[in-house]
Amino acid sequence: MAGKRFRVGLLGGGSWGTTVAALLTRNADVTLWARSADTVSEINESHTNEKFLPDARLPEVLTATCSIAEVVRDADLIVMGIPSHAYRAVLEEVAKHIRSWVPIISLAKGLEQGTRLRMSQVTEEVLPGHPPGVLTGPNLAREIALGQAAASVIAVNDEVIVRQLQNVFNSGLFRVYTNTDVVGCELAGALKNVMAIAAGMGDGTGAGENTRSGVITRGLAELTRLGTAMGGRPETFAGLAGVGDLIATCTSTKSRNRFVGEQLGKGLSLDEIIAQMNQVAEGVKTCRVVTELAEEYDVEMPIAQEVYRVVHEGQTPREAYRGLLRLPVASEAEPG
């Protein structure tokens, strides 16, 4: 792969998909697919995507289309900037046009409803023989689109492929590190969204910064327990994909999942909150999957369980925090 200019097909015209597409133009020829004809026209003609990235200027060399075939058929690499709930359906369309052995890198930070699969597992089901991977980390799209420095992780099980792809994604102020723990990286990205809702609920109820710090720290313990039980490596959860992404998502006002939690804490209903948003907060759906996985793997995840009760069972955030305070206090190394 090294030594030639890649052709990258990126599917998804949301904030992160568009940002990654813009970054990739420094090292590759990139074509972006978006569902909206208006978004495609705006990217091609005005070099902006104001709905998702207000005030950000996109590279003029970035081209967009509404045709999946046009994006996929000549690509050396496919990047899936598609939310978990739509990932399989879009990938099935990609399968009709893709060449053999082309890697598939996911940007999604969620788990598939029903199957509880990670996106790389969905890729393996739909497109066996195509190396799957994930780009993840503390990456708030708007900051990166406006030129601020950030670090990320590219994870593929194959050491050779991951280092070759690192050269495609790494550029300027966007530093990309490698990891072969796809399981850990994907789980960290999905599970931290649930903890961000919890942190946001505390902010919305005025719980304070000490409380937020406690939620982040105990949330990290929860996601590490489940992630390692499912096959991830402990060090992954202590790195950019784990604690790095968790801190950014739980503290930033730009975080969609924290926003959902904060608005719940202020008394809004989930329907009211979603109506205000033009992007997906993966943690809303993921919290159900996480509680199912925690039961399956016999892992205690009290924070995740309280988030699930608020989002899906009508419990209030204040009741959730009271529920956490009622838990018995044990050693810091123990669950709870």
Protein backbone atom coordinates (compact mmCIF):
# COMPACT_ATOMS: atom_id res chain seq x y z
CA MET A 1 0.00 0.00 0.00
CA ALA A 2 2.87 2.38 0.74
CA GLY A 3 4.39 4.36 -2.10
CA LYS A 4 1.19 5.16 -4.00
CA ARG A 5 -1.66 7.56 -3.55
CA PHE A 6 -4.65 5.72 -2.20
CA ARG A 7 -8.16 5.92 -3.54
CA VAL A 8 -10.50 6.09 -0.55
CA GLY A 9 -14.25 5.72 -0.58
CA LEU A 10 -15.88 7.23 2.51
CA LEU A 11 -19.53 6.55 3.20
CA GLY A 12 -21.35 9.04 5.42
CA GLY A 13 -21.79 12.81 5.21
CA GLY A 14 -22.20 13.56 8.92
CA SER A 15 -19.79 15.61 11.00
CA TRP A 16 -17.19 12.91 11.67
CA GLY A 17 -17.42 11.26 8.26
CA THR A 18 -16.93 14.61 6.53
CA THR A 19 -14.06 15.54 8.86
CA VAL A 20 -12.23 12.26 8.24
CA ALA A 21 -12.77 12.62 4.50
CA ALA A 22 -11.21 16.09 4.63
CA LEU A 23 -8.22 14.78 6.61
CA LEU A 24 -7.68 11.89 4.23
CA THR A 25 -7.39 14.20 1.21
CA ARG A 26 -3.86 15.05 2.41
CA ASN A 27 -2.71 11.51 1.67
CA ALA A 28 -5.32 10.07 -0.69
CA ASP A 29 -7.86 10.74 -3.41
CA VAL A 30 -11.19 10.73 -1.56
CA THR A 31 -14.77 10.40 -2.73
CA LEU A 32 -17.51 10.82 -0.13
CA TRP A 33 -20.99 9.32 -0.33
CA ALA A 34 -23.93 11.07 1.32
CA ARG A 35 -27.65 10.31 1.14
CA SER A 36 -28.62 13.96 0.75
CA ALA A 37 -28.29 15.46 -2.72
CA ASP A 38 -28.16 18.90 -1.09
CA THR A 39 -25.17 17.85 1.04
CA VAL A 40 -23.41 16.44 -2.02
CA SER A 41 -23.98 19.64 -3.99
CA GLU A 42 -22.80 21.81 -1.10
CA ILE A 43 -19.57 19.84 -0.66
CA ASN A 44 -18.81 19.89 -4.39
CA GLU A 45 -19.77 23.50 -5.08
CA SER A 46 -19.26 25.43 -1.84
CA HIS A 47 -16.74 23.10 -0.12
CA THR A 48 -18.71 23.25 3.12
CA ASN A 49 -21.13 21.08 5.09
CA GLU A 50 -22.86 23.71 7.20
CA LYS A 51 -25.51 21.41 8.66
CA PHE A 52 -22.91 19.25 10.41
CA LEU A 53 -19.73 21.38 10.39
CA PRO A 54 -20.69 25.06 10.55
CA ASP A 55 -17.92 27.51 9.64
CA ALA A 56 -15.53 24.74 8.52
CA ARG A 57 -13.97 24.97 5.07
CA LEU A 58 -13.47 21.65 3.26
CA PRO A 59 -10.65 20.89 0.79
CA GLU A 60 -11.58 21.66 -2.79
CA VAL A 61 -10.15 18.30 -3.87
CA LEU A 62 -12.79 16.45 -1.81
CA THR A 63 -15.57 15.23 -4.09
CA ALA A 64 -18.98 13.89 -3.08
CA THR A 65 -21.67 11.79 -4.75
CA CYS A 66 -25.00 10.11 -4.04
CA SER A 67 -23.83 6.96 -5.85
CA ILE A 68 -22.41 4.18 -3.67
CA ALA A 69 -21.10 2.42 -6.77
CA GLU A 70 -19.09 5.49 -7.75
CA VAL A 71 -17.50 5.66 -4.29
CA VAL A 72 -16.73 1.97 -3.94
CA ARG A 73 -15.84 0.41 -7.28
CA ASP A 74 -12.25 1.73 -7.62
CA ALA A 75 -11.46 2.26 -3.94
CA ASP A 76 -8.35 0.81 -2.26
CA LEU A 77 -9.90 1.50 1.16
CA ILE A 78 -13.47 1.89 2.37
CA VAL A 79 -14.21 4.03 5.44
CA MET A 80 -17.67 3.60 6.97
CA GLY A 81 -18.87 6.81 8.63
CA ILE A 82 -22.25 5.20 9.22
CA PRO A 83 -24.08 4.87 12.59
CA SER A 84 -24.36 1.35 13.97
CA HIS A 85 -28.11 1.06 13.30
CA ALA A 86 -27.60 1.62 9.54
CA TYR A 87 -24.16 0.05 9.17
CA ARG A 88 -25.23 -3.39 7.91
CA ALA A 89 -27.70 -2.08 5.32
CA VAL A 90 -25.15 0.33 3.81
CA LEU A 91 -22.43 -2.32 3.87
CA GLU A 92 -24.71 -4.69 1.94
CA GLU A 93 -24.88 -2.05 -0.80
CA VAL A 94 -21.10 -1.65 -0.67
CA ALA A 95 -20.76 -5.43 -1.16
CA LYS A 96 -22.32 -5.16 -4.61
CA HIS A 97 -19.47 -3.01 -5.94
CA ILE A 98 -16.31 -3.59 -3.87
CA ARG A 99 -13.15 -5.21 -5.20
CA SER A 100 -11.55 -8.17 -3.40
CA TRP A 101 -9.57 -7.76 -0.17
CA VAL A 102 -10.19 -4.02 0.22
CA PRO A 103 -9.99 -3.09 3.96
CA ILE A 104 -13.11 -1.74 5.68
CA ILE A 105 -12.53 0.78 8.48
CA SER A 106 -15.45 1.77 10.71
CA LEU A 107 -15.88 5.15 12.39
CA ALA A 108 -18.96 4.02 14.35
CA LYS A 109 -18.94 3.89 18.15
CA GLY A 110 -21.86 1.61 18.78
CA LEU A 111 -23.06 -1.99 18.78
CA GLU A 112 -25.66 -3.53 16.49
CA GLN A 113 -29.10 -3.88 18.06
CA GLY A 114 -30.38 -7.43 18.31
CA THR A 115 -27.15 -9.18 17.37
CA ARG A 116 -25.00 -7.17 19.85
CA LEU A 117 -22.18 -7.35 17.30
CA ARG A 118 -19.31 -4.91 16.93
CA MET A 119 -19.02 -3.24 13.53
CA SER A 120 -15.96 -5.30 12.57
CA GLN A 121 -18.02 -8.44 13.24
CA VAL A 122 -20.78 -7.12 10.99
CA THR A 123 -18.14 -6.48 8.34
CA GLU A 124 -16.88 -10.05 8.66
CA GLU A 125 -20.43 -11.36 8.18
CA VAL A 126 -21.31 -9.19 5.19
CA LEU A 127 -17.88 -9.02 3.53
CA PRO A 128 -15.75 -12.01 4.58
CA GLY A 129 -12.16 -11.72 3.38
CA HIS A 130 -12.04 -7.93 3.74
CA PRO A 131 -9.78 -6.85 6.65
CA PRO A 132 -11.97 -4.98 9.16
CA GLY A 133 -10.82 -2.26 11.53
CA VAL A 134 -11.79 0.86 13.41
CA LEU A 135 -10.61 4.46 13.79
CA THR A 136 -11.41 5.66 17.29
CA GLY A 137 -10.28 7.94 20.10
CA PRO A 138 -11.00 11.36 21.63
CA ASN A 139 -12.07 12.93 18.36
CA LEU A 140 -14.62 15.75 18.52
CA ALA A 141 -15.29 16.38 14.86
CA ARG A 142 -15.83 20.14 14.93
CA GLU A 143 -12.52 20.85 16.70
CA ILE A 144 -10.58 18.73 14.22
CA ALA A 145 -12.41 20.22 11.23
CA LEU A 146 -11.38 23.68 12.44
CA GLY A 147 -7.72 22.62 12.56
CA GLN A 148 -7.15 21.82 16.22
CA ALA A 149 -4.71 19.06 17.19
CA ALA A 150 -6.00 15.60 18.08
CA ALA A 151 -4.84 12.01 18.46
CA SER A 152 -6.59 8.85 17.35
CA VAL A 153 -6.09 5.09 17.09
CA ILE A 154 -6.34 2.91 14.00
CA ALA A 155 -6.96 -0.71 14.96
CA VAL A 156 -6.68 -3.73 12.65
CA ASN A 157 -5.78 -7.25 13.72
CA ASP A 158 -3.00 -7.46 11.13
CA GLU A 159 0.20 -5.62 12.15
CA VAL A 160 1.30 -5.02 8.55
CA ILE A 161 -2.03 -3.66 7.36
CA VAL A 162 -2.51 -1.41 10.37
CA ARG A 163 0.87 0.24 9.85
CA GLN A 164 0.14 0.82 6.18
CA LEU A 165 -3.21 2.38 7.00
CA GLN A 166 -1.60 4.54 9.67
CA ASN A 167 0.25 6.31 6.86
CA VAL A 168 -3.05 7.04 5.13
CA PHE A 169 -4.84 8.47 8.18
CA ASN A 170 -1.97 10.26 9.94
CA SER A 171 -1.62 13.88 8.84
CA GLY A 172 -0.34 17.12 10.34
CA LEU A 173 -2.01 17.88 13.66
CA PHE A 174 -4.05 14.67 13.46
CA ARG A 175 -1.76 12.04 15.01
CA VAL A 176 -2.80 8.43 14.50
CA TYR A 177 -1.41 5.57 16.59
CA THR A 178 -1.72 1.86 15.81
CA ASN A 179 -3.32 -0.94 17.79
CA THR A 180 -4.09 -4.56 16.94
CA ASP A 181 -6.78 -4.88 19.65
CA VAL A 182 -9.86 -4.31 17.48
CA VAL A 183 -12.14 -5.83 20.12
CA GLY A 184 -10.96 -3.50 22.87
CA CYS A 185 -10.95 -0.40 20.68
CA GLU A 186 -14.48 -0.98 19.40
CA LEU A 187 -15.89 -1.81 22.82
CA ALA A 188 -14.24 1.20 24.45
CA GLY A 189 -15.74 3.49 21.82
CA ALA A 190 -19.22 2.05 22.27
CA LEU A 191 -19.28 1.74 26.05
CA LYS A 192 -17.95 5.22 26.81
CA ASN A 193 -21.04 6.74 25.19
CA VAL A 194 -23.19 5.23 27.93
CA MET A 195 -20.92 6.72 30.58
CA ALA A 196 -21.13 10.10 28.84
CA ILE A 197 -24.91 10.04 29.22
CA ALA A 198 -24.40 9.33 32.93
CA ALA A 199 -21.95 12.22 33.28
CA GLY A 200 -24.32 14.51 31.41
CA MET A 201 -27.21 13.56 33.69
CA GLY A 202 -25.12 14.65 36.66
CA ASP A 203 -24.32 17.96 34.99
CA GLY A 204 -27.98 18.50 34.15
CA THR A 205 -29.06 17.97 37.75
CA GLY A 206 -26.28 20.21 39.08
CA ALA A 207 -24.40 17.37 40.77
CA GLY A 208 -21.00 19.09 40.54
CA GLU A 209 -17.53 18.39 39.20
CA ASN A 210 -16.55 15.98 41.96
CA THR A 211 -19.53 13.84 41.00
CA ARG A 212 -18.59 13.99 37.31
CA SER A 213 -15.05 12.90 38.13
CA GLY A 214 -16.39 9.98 40.14
CA VAL A 215 -18.71 8.91 37.33
CA ILE A 216 -15.88 9.05 34.78
CA THR A 217 -13.52 7.06 36.98
CA ARG A 218 -16.03 4.40 38.02
CA GLY A 219 -17.37 4.36 34.46
CA LEU A 220 -13.89 3.55 33.20
CA ALA A 221 -13.74 0.66 35.66
CA GLU A 222 -17.08 -0.64 34.37
CA LEU A 223 -16.23 -0.49 30.70
CA THR A 224 -12.81 -2.03 31.34
CA ARG A 225 -14.36 -4.96 33.21
CA LEU A 226 -16.82 -5.72 30.44
CA GLY A 227 -14.31 -5.01 27.66
CA THR A 228 -11.69 -7.38 29.04
CA ALA A 229 -14.33 -10.04 29.74
CA MET A 230 -15.23 -9.87 26.05
CA GLY A 231 -11.63 -10.22 24.89
CA GLY A 232 -10.18 -6.70 24.87
CA ARG A 233 -6.76 -5.98 26.33
CA PRO A 234 -6.61 -3.97 29.60
CA GLU A 235 -4.03 -1.53 28.24
CA THR A 236 -6.41 -0.52 25.43
CA PHE A 237 -8.87 0.89 27.98
CA ALA A 238 -6.07 2.90 29.60
CA GLY A 239 -5.18 4.51 26.26
CA LEU A 240 -6.70 6.89 23.71
CA ALA A 241 -9.53 4.55 22.74
CA GLY A 242 -10.54 4.12 26.38
CA VAL A 243 -9.81 6.78 28.97
CA GLY A 244 -8.90 9.38 26.33
CA ASP A 245 -12.22 9.11 24.52
CA LEU A 246 -14.10 8.78 27.81
CA ILE A 247 -12.75 12.07 29.15
CA ALA A 248 -13.53 13.97 25.95
CA THR A 249 -17.03 12.57 25.64
CA CYS A 250 -17.96 13.03 29.31
CA THR A 251 -16.70 16.61 29.64
CA SER A 252 -17.12 18.37 26.30
CA THR A 253 -20.11 20.56 25.52
CA LYS A 254 -19.69 19.30 21.94
CA SER A 255 -20.40 15.69 22.97
CA ARG A 256 -23.76 14.43 21.68
CA ASN A 257 -24.10 11.75 24.35
CA ARG A 258 -23.23 14.10 27.19
CA PHE A 259 -25.80 16.53 25.75
CA VAL A 260 -28.49 13.84 25.87
CA GLY A 261 -27.66 13.11 29.51
CA GLU A 262 -27.58 16.80 30.43
CA GLN A 263 -30.99 17.44 28.90
CA LEU A 264 -32.42 14.39 30.64
CA GLY A 265 -31.03 15.81 33.88
CA LYS A 266 -32.85 19.07 33.19
CA GLY A 267 -36.14 17.22 32.86
CA LEU A 268 -36.62 16.91 29.11
CA SER A 269 -37.96 13.68 27.64
CA LEU A 270 -35.84 11.59 25.29
CA ASP A 271 -38.20 12.38 22.39
CA GLU A 272 -37.84 16.10 23.04
CA ILE A 273 -34.06 15.81 23.13
CA ILE A 274 -33.77 13.78 19.94
CA ALA A 275 -36.01 16.28 18.15
CA GLN A 276 -33.37 18.96 18.85
CA MET A 277 -30.54 16.92 17.32
CA ASN A 278 -29.48 16.36 13.72
CA GLN A 279 -27.00 13.60 14.57
CA VAL A 280 -27.10 10.23 16.31
CA ALA A 281 -26.16 9.81 19.98
CA GLU A 282 -25.06 6.17 19.91
CA GLY A 283 -25.26 5.74 23.69
CA VAL A 284 -29.08 5.88 23.62
CA LYS A 285 -29.27 2.54 21.81
CA THR A 286 -26.02 1.12 23.16
CA CYS A 287 -27.11 1.25 26.81
CA ARG A 288 -29.65 -1.51 26.16
CA VAL A 289 -27.03 -3.71 24.49
CA VAL A 290 -24.53 -3.04 27.27
CA THR A 291 -26.90 -4.17 30.00
CA GLU A 292 -27.59 -7.35 28.03
CA LEU A 293 -23.87 -8.02 27.60
CA ALA A 294 -23.18 -7.30 31.27
CA GLU A 295 -25.71 -9.96 32.21
CA GLU A 296 -24.34 -12.42 29.65
CA TYR A 297 -20.74 -12.00 30.86
CA ASP A 298 -21.74 -11.71 34.54
CA VAL A 299 -20.14 -8.27 34.92
CA GLU A 300 -21.50 -5.70 37.35
CA MET A 301 -22.16 -2.35 35.63
CA PRO A 302 -24.30 -0.25 37.97
CA ILE A 303 -23.77 3.04 36.12
CA ALA A 304 -24.75 1.53 32.78
CA GLN A 305 -27.80 -0.09 34.36
CA GLU A 306 -28.99 3.21 35.82
CA VAL A 307 -28.55 4.92 32.44
CA TYR A 308 -30.64 2.18 30.84
CA ARG A 309 -33.40 2.67 33.42
CA VAL A 310 -33.51 6.40 32.73
CA VAL A 311 -33.43 6.10 28.94
CA HIS A 312 -35.75 3.12 28.50
CA GLU A 313 -37.76 2.62 31.71
CA GLY A 314 -38.76 6.14 32.73
CA GLN A 315 -36.59 6.49 35.82
CA THR A 316 -35.49 10.06 36.54
CA PRO A 317 -31.80 11.04 36.62
CA ARG A 318 -32.12 12.03 40.28
CA GLU A 319 -33.47 8.57 41.09
CA ALA A 320 -30.57 7.07 39.14
CA TYR A 321 -27.99 8.97 41.17
CA ARG A 322 -29.73 8.06 44.40
CA GLY A 323 -29.61 4.44 43.27
CA LEU A 324 -25.84 4.65 42.74
CA LEU A 325 -25.36 6.20 46.19
CA ARG A 326 -27.25 3.33 47.80
CA LEU A 327 -24.69 0.80 46.53
CA PRO A 328 -22.45 -0.64 49.26
CA VAL A 329 -18.97 0.86 49.35
CA ALA A 330 -16.23 -1.71 48.75
CA SER A 331 -12.59 -1.76 47.71
CA GLU A 332 -11.83 0.47 44.73
CA ALA A 333 -10.67 -2.62 42.84
CA GLU A 334 -14.09 -4.26 43.27
CA PRO A 335 -17.25 -3.64 41.20
CA GLY A 336 -19.74 -1.02 42.31
